[in-house]
C-alpha atoms as a PDB file:
ATOM      1  CA  MET A   1      23.850 -13.856  -1.260  1.00  0.00           C
ATOM      2  CA  THR A   2      26.489 -14.145  -4.004  1.00  0.00           C
ATOM      3  CA  ASN A   3      25.430 -17.720  -4.818  1.00  0.00           C
ATOM      4  CA  CYS A   4      21.789 -16.648  -5.157  1.00  0.00           C
ATOM      5  CA  SER A   5      22.633 -13.697  -7.423  1.00  0.00           C
ATOM      6  CA  ARG A   6      24.836 -15.978  -9.541  1.00  0.00           C
ATOM      7  CA  VAL A   7      21.947 -18.423 -10.011  1.00  0.00           C
ATOM      8  CA  ILE A   8      19.637 -15.529 -10.936  1.00  0.00           C
ATOM      9  CA  ARG A   9      22.207 -14.226 -13.447  1.00  0.00           C
ATOM     10  CA  HIS A  10      22.569 -17.688 -15.022  1.00  0.00           C
ATOM     11  CA  ALA A  11      18.790 -18.018 -15.249  1.00  0.00           C
ATOM     12  CA  TRP A  12      18.628 -14.546 -16.844  1.00  0.00           C
ATOM     13  CA  HIS A  13      21.261 -15.459 -19.474  1.00  0.00           C
ATOM     14  CA  PHE A  14      19.502 -18.767 -20.143  1.00  0.00           C
ATOM     15  CA  TYR A  15      16.203 -16.907 -20.583  1.00  0.00           C
ATOM     16  CA  TYR A  16      17.775 -14.487 -23.076  1.00  0.00           C
ATOM     17  CA  ALA A  17      19.459 -17.332 -24.988  1.00  0.00           C
ATOM     18  CA  LEU A  18      16.160 -19.213 -25.122  1.00  0.00           C
ATOM     19  CA  ARG A  19      14.344 -16.118 -26.408  1.00  0.00           C
ATOM     20  CA  PHE A  20      17.040 -15.577 -29.057  1.00  0.00           C
ATOM     21  CA  VAL A  21      16.857 -19.205 -30.251  1.00  0.00           C
ATOM     22  CA  PHE A  22      13.049 -19.031 -30.293  1.00  0.00           C
ATOM     23  CA  LYS A  23      13.175 -15.826 -32.364  1.00  0.00           C
ATOM     24  CA  VAL A  24      15.660 -17.337 -34.850  1.00  0.00           C
ATOM     25  CA  VAL A  25      13.617 -20.543 -35.218  1.00  0.00           C
ATOM     26  CA  CYS A  26      10.376 -18.591 -35.642  1.00  0.00           C
ATOM     27  CA  GLY A  27      12.047 -16.305 -38.186  1.00  0.00           C
ATOM     28  CA  GLY A  28      13.376 -19.306 -40.115  1.00  0.00           C
ATOM     29  CA  PHE A  29       9.944 -20.939 -40.195  1.00  0.00           C
ATOM     30  CA  GLY A  30       8.339 -17.657 -41.245  1.00  0.00           C
ATOM     31  CA  ILE A  31      10.785 -17.187 -44.141  1.00  0.00           C
ATOM     32  CA  ALA A  32      10.364 -20.822 -45.244  1.00  0.00           C
ATOM     33  CA  PHE A  33       6.567 -20.499 -45.060  1.00  0.00           C
ATOM     34  CA  LEU A  34       6.576 -17.259 -47.063  1.00  0.00           C
ATOM     35  CA  SER A  35       8.905 -18.681 -49.723  1.00  0.00           C
ATOM     36  CA  LEU A  36       6.766 -21.833 -50.021  1.00  0.00           C
ATOM     37  CA  THR A  37       3.461 -19.960 -50.278  1.00  0.00           C
ATOM     38  CA  GLY A  38       4.959 -17.218 -52.480  1.00  0.00           C
ATOM     39  CA  ARG A  39       5.625 -19.582 -55.374  1.00  0.00           C
END
């Protein structure tokens, strides 16, 4: 039981970290795209 919940918790943290990285990368690309097209 505890091992299963620990795996689920790790997967949950990994999912949140992945979402955060994805958001940062997308935001960086969006800012770069806007600055390139804005000139």
